[in-house]
Amino acid sequence: MAEEVHCVWNMGTPCSGKRYKELMFDKQLEIPICEKHVEEHKEVMILHANAYDIEEIVDMDPEERKRLVYTMVLAGLDVSGVSL
C-alpha cells in the first residue's frame, strides 16, 4: 500500500490537487506538497529570479503574485528555467 502524503507547505492558502513528494531547493530536499502549493512556490521563485525582493513577494496576495507572473509570461519572459 502506498504511503499517504500530507502537504506540509503553508502559503496561506488551502491545499488542493494531488499530493506528492517534490525535490526542492536545488534538488536538495524532498518535500511533501500539493499541486497548488508547488504552483504557488514556482510563482515566488519566478518573481525572485526577476529582481523582486523576497519579503515583498511573501507579503503579496497569491492572486497578485499569479497576475505578475502571467504578465511576465505574456510579455515574452521565458520562465521555464526557474527551478524549485
N, C-alpha and C. Protein backbone atom coordinates (compact mmCIF):
# COMPACT_ATOMS: atom_id res chain seq x y z
N MET A 1 0.84 -1.18 0.00
CA MET A 1 0.00 0.00 0.00
C MET A 1 0.89 1.25 0.00
N ALA A 2 0.55 2.22 -0.83
CA ALA A 2 1.33 3.44 -0.94
C ALA A 2 1.12 4.33 0.29
N GLU A 3 2.19 4.97 0.70
CA GLU A 3 2.14 5.89 1.83
C GLU A 3 1.35 7.14 1.45
N GLU A 4 0.44 7.56 2.33
CA GLU A 4 -0.32 8.78 2.08
C GLU A 4 0.58 9.98 2.34
N VAL A 5 0.56 10.93 1.42
CA VAL A 5 1.41 12.12 1.52
C VAL A 5 0.56 13.29 2.01
N HIS A 6 1.04 13.99 3.03
CA HIS A 6 0.37 15.16 3.56
C HIS A 6 1.19 16.39 3.22
N CYS A 7 0.58 17.38 2.61
CA CYS A 7 1.27 18.62 2.25
C CYS A 7 1.70 19.35 3.51
N VAL A 8 2.97 19.74 3.56
CA VAL A 8 3.49 20.47 4.72
C VAL A 8 3.67 21.95 4.41
N TRP A 9 3.37 22.33 3.19
CA TRP A 9 3.58 23.71 2.77
C TRP A 9 2.48 24.60 3.30
N ASN A 10 2.82 25.83 3.66
CA ASN A 10 1.80 26.77 4.12
C ASN A 10 2.10 28.13 3.51
N MET A 11 1.32 28.47 2.50
CA MET A 11 1.48 29.77 1.86
C MET A 11 0.23 30.61 2.09
N GLY A 12 -0.55 30.23 3.10
CA GLY A 12 -1.75 30.99 3.42
C GLY A 12 -2.97 30.61 2.61
N THR A 13 -2.86 29.57 1.81
CA THR A 13 -3.98 29.11 1.00
C THR A 13 -4.19 27.62 1.27
N PRO A 14 -5.42 27.13 1.12
CA PRO A 14 -5.66 25.70 1.37
C PRO A 14 -5.03 24.81 0.29
N CYS A 15 -4.74 23.59 0.66
CA CYS A 15 -4.19 22.62 -0.28
C CYS A 15 -5.24 22.23 -1.32
N SER A 16 -4.78 21.87 -2.49
CA SER A 16 -5.67 21.28 -3.49
C SER A 16 -4.82 20.54 -4.51
N GLY A 17 -5.45 19.59 -5.15
CA GLY A 17 -4.77 18.78 -6.15
C GLY A 17 -4.04 17.61 -5.54
N LYS A 18 -3.39 16.88 -6.38
CA LYS A 18 -2.64 15.70 -5.99
C LYS A 18 -1.51 16.09 -5.02
N ARG A 19 -1.25 15.23 -4.07
CA ARG A 19 -0.14 15.44 -3.12
C ARG A 19 0.96 14.44 -3.42
N TYR A 20 2.18 14.90 -3.43
CA TYR A 20 3.32 14.04 -3.72
C TYR A 20 4.57 14.65 -3.11
N LYS A 21 5.67 13.95 -3.20
CA LYS A 21 6.95 14.47 -2.70
C LYS A 21 7.71 15.07 -3.87
N GLU A 22 8.16 16.29 -3.70
CA GLU A 22 8.85 17.05 -4.76
C GLU A 22 10.24 17.42 -4.28
N LEU A 23 11.24 17.23 -5.14
CA LEU A 23 12.59 17.69 -4.81
C LEU A 23 12.64 19.19 -5.00
N MET A 24 13.03 19.90 -3.94
CA MET A 24 13.04 21.36 -3.97
C MET A 24 14.35 21.88 -3.41
N PHE A 25 14.53 23.19 -3.52
CA PHE A 25 15.72 23.87 -3.02
C PHE A 25 16.98 23.27 -3.64
N ASP A 26 17.05 23.46 -4.96
CA ASP A 26 18.16 22.94 -5.78
C ASP A 26 18.28 21.43 -5.66
N LYS A 27 17.11 20.77 -5.58
CA LYS A 27 17.01 19.31 -5.53
C LYS A 27 17.75 18.72 -4.33
N GLN A 28 17.75 19.46 -3.22
CA GLN A 28 18.42 19.00 -2.01
C GLN A 28 17.47 18.39 -0.99
N LEU A 29 16.19 18.79 -1.02
CA LEU A 29 15.21 18.29 -0.05
C LEU A 29 13.97 17.77 -0.75
N GLU A 30 13.48 16.64 -0.30
CA GLU A 30 12.23 16.10 -0.81
C GLU A 30 11.12 16.55 0.13
N ILE A 31 10.20 17.35 -0.39
CA ILE A 31 9.15 17.98 0.42
C ILE A 31 7.79 17.40 0.04
N PRO A 32 6.99 16.96 1.01
CA PRO A 32 5.61 16.57 0.70
C PRO A 32 4.77 17.83 0.47
N ILE A 33 4.16 17.91 -0.71
CA ILE A 33 3.48 19.15 -1.11
C ILE A 33 2.35 18.83 -2.08
N CYS A 34 1.36 19.71 -2.15
CA CYS A 34 0.25 19.53 -3.10
C CYS A 34 0.53 20.32 -4.38
N GLU A 35 -0.25 20.01 -5.42
CA GLU A 35 -0.07 20.68 -6.72
C GLU A 35 -0.23 22.19 -6.63
N LYS A 36 -1.22 22.64 -5.87
CA LYS A 36 -1.46 24.08 -5.76
C LYS A 36 -0.26 24.80 -5.14
N HIS A 37 0.30 24.22 -4.09
CA HIS A 37 1.42 24.88 -3.43
C HIS A 37 2.71 24.80 -4.24
N VAL A 38 2.86 23.76 -5.07
CA VAL A 38 4.00 23.73 -6.00
C VAL A 38 3.89 24.90 -6.96
N GLU A 39 2.69 25.12 -7.50
CA GLU A 39 2.48 26.22 -8.44
C GLU A 39 2.75 27.57 -7.77
N GLU A 40 2.26 27.74 -6.55
CA GLU A 40 2.49 29.00 -5.83
C GLU A 40 3.98 29.21 -5.55
N HIS A 41 4.68 28.12 -5.21
CA HIS A 41 6.13 28.25 -4.96
C HIS A 41 6.87 28.62 -6.24
N LYS A 42 6.46 28.04 -7.37
CA LYS A 42 7.08 28.40 -8.66
C LYS A 42 6.90 29.89 -8.93
N GLU A 43 5.72 30.41 -8.64
CA GLU A 43 5.47 31.84 -8.85
C GLU A 43 6.40 32.69 -7.98
N VAL A 44 6.59 32.28 -6.74
CA VAL A 44 7.51 33.00 -5.85
C VAL A 44 8.92 32.98 -6.43
N MET A 45 9.35 31.81 -6.89
CA MET A 45 10.71 31.68 -7.43
C MET A 45 10.89 32.48 -8.72
N ILE A 46 9.87 32.53 -9.55
CA ILE A 46 9.93 33.32 -10.79
C ILE A 46 10.08 34.81 -10.46
N LEU A 47 9.28 35.29 -9.53
CA LEU A 47 9.37 36.70 -9.14
C LEU A 47 10.73 37.01 -8.52
N HIS A 48 11.20 36.12 -7.66
CA HIS A 48 12.50 36.35 -7.02
C HIS A 48 13.63 36.35 -8.06
N ALA A 49 13.55 35.46 -9.04
CA ALA A 49 14.56 35.41 -10.11
C ALA A 49 14.53 36.65 -10.99
N ASN A 50 13.45 37.42 -10.90
CA ASN A 50 13.32 38.62 -11.71
C ASN A 50 13.36 39.88 -10.86
N ALA A 51 14.18 39.84 -9.81
CA ALA A 51 14.58 41.01 -9.01
C ALA A 51 13.52 41.51 -8.04
N TYR A 52 12.49 40.74 -7.77
CA TYR A 52 11.56 41.12 -6.72
C TYR A 52 12.16 40.71 -5.38
N ASP A 53 12.02 41.56 -4.38
CA ASP A 53 12.51 41.27 -3.04
C ASP A 53 11.66 40.18 -2.42
N ILE A 54 12.29 39.19 -1.78
CA ILE A 54 11.56 38.05 -1.24
C ILE A 54 10.53 38.47 -0.19
N GLU A 55 10.86 39.46 0.62
CA GLU A 55 9.90 39.94 1.64
C GLU A 55 8.67 40.55 0.97
N GLU A 56 8.90 41.30 -0.11
CA GLU A 56 7.80 41.89 -0.86
C GLU A 56 6.92 40.80 -1.48
N ILE A 57 7.55 39.76 -2.01
CA ILE A 57 6.84 38.66 -2.65
C ILE A 57 5.94 37.95 -1.64
N VAL A 58 6.51 37.63 -0.48
CA VAL A 58 5.76 36.90 0.54
C VAL A 58 4.60 37.72 1.07
N ASP A 59 4.75 39.04 1.10
CA ASP A 59 3.67 39.91 1.57
C ASP A 59 2.54 40.06 0.56
N MET A 60 2.79 39.68 -0.69
CA MET A 60 1.77 39.81 -1.73
C MET A 60 0.67 38.78 -1.54
N ASP A 61 -0.51 39.13 -2.00
CA ASP A 61 -1.63 38.21 -2.08
C ASP A 61 -1.30 37.17 -3.17
N PRO A 62 -1.67 35.89 -2.98
CA PRO A 62 -1.38 34.88 -4.00
C PRO A 62 -1.88 35.24 -5.40
N GLU A 63 -3.04 35.88 -5.47
CA GLU A 63 -3.57 36.28 -6.78
C GLU A 63 -2.72 37.38 -7.42
N GLU A 64 -2.17 38.26 -6.61
CA GLU A 64 -1.28 39.30 -7.13
C GLU A 64 0.00 38.69 -7.69
N ARG A 65 0.58 37.70 -6.98
CA ARG A 65 1.76 37.01 -7.50
C ARG A 65 1.45 36.35 -8.82
N LYS A 66 0.31 35.68 -8.89
CA LYS A 66 -0.09 34.99 -10.12
C LYS A 66 -0.25 35.98 -11.28
N ARG A 67 -0.88 37.13 -11.03
CA ARG A 67 -1.05 38.16 -12.07
C ARG A 67 0.29 38.66 -12.58
N LEU A 68 1.23 38.91 -11.67
CA LEU A 68 2.55 39.39 -12.08
C LEU A 68 3.27 38.36 -12.95
N VAL A 69 3.19 37.10 -12.56
CA VAL A 69 3.85 36.05 -13.35
C VAL A 69 3.19 35.93 -14.72
N TYR A 70 1.86 35.94 -14.77
CA TYR A 70 1.17 35.88 -16.07
C TYR A 70 1.56 37.06 -16.95
N THR A 71 1.69 38.24 -16.35
CA THR A 71 2.09 39.42 -17.11
C THR A 71 3.49 39.23 -17.69
N MET A 72 4.40 38.67 -16.89
CA MET A 72 5.76 38.41 -17.38
C MET A 72 5.75 37.42 -18.54
N VAL A 73 4.97 36.36 -18.40
CA VAL A 73 4.89 35.35 -19.46
C VAL A 73 4.29 35.96 -20.73
N LEU A 74 3.23 36.73 -20.58
CA LEU A 74 2.61 37.37 -21.75
C LEU A 74 3.55 38.37 -22.42
N ALA A 75 4.46 38.95 -21.63
CA ALA A 75 5.44 39.88 -22.19
C ALA A 75 6.60 39.16 -22.88
N GLY A 76 6.59 37.83 -22.82
CA GLY A 76 7.61 37.05 -23.52
C GLY A 76 8.74 36.53 -22.67
N LEU A 77 8.65 36.68 -21.36
CA LEU A 77 9.69 36.17 -20.47
C LEU A 77 9.62 34.65 -20.42
N ASP A 78 10.76 34.00 -20.62
CA ASP A 78 10.84 32.53 -20.52
C ASP A 78 11.06 32.16 -19.05
N VAL A 79 10.08 31.53 -18.46
CA VAL A 79 10.16 31.16 -17.04
C VAL A 79 10.45 29.68 -16.86
N SER A 80 10.73 28.97 -17.93
CA SER A 80 10.93 27.53 -17.86
C SER A 80 12.21 27.15 -17.11
N GLY A 81 13.17 28.03 -17.04
CA GLY A 81 14.43 27.71 -16.39
C GLY A 81 14.46 27.95 -14.89
N VAL A 82 13.37 28.45 -14.33
CA VAL A 82 13.32 28.73 -12.90
C VAL A 82 13.06 27.42 -12.17
N SER A 83 13.94 27.09 -11.22
CA SER A 83 13.80 25.84 -10.50
C SER A 83 13.13 26.04 -9.15
N LEU A 84 12.61 24.94 -8.63
CA LEU A 84 12.01 24.97 -7.30
C LEU A 84 13.13 25.02 -6.32
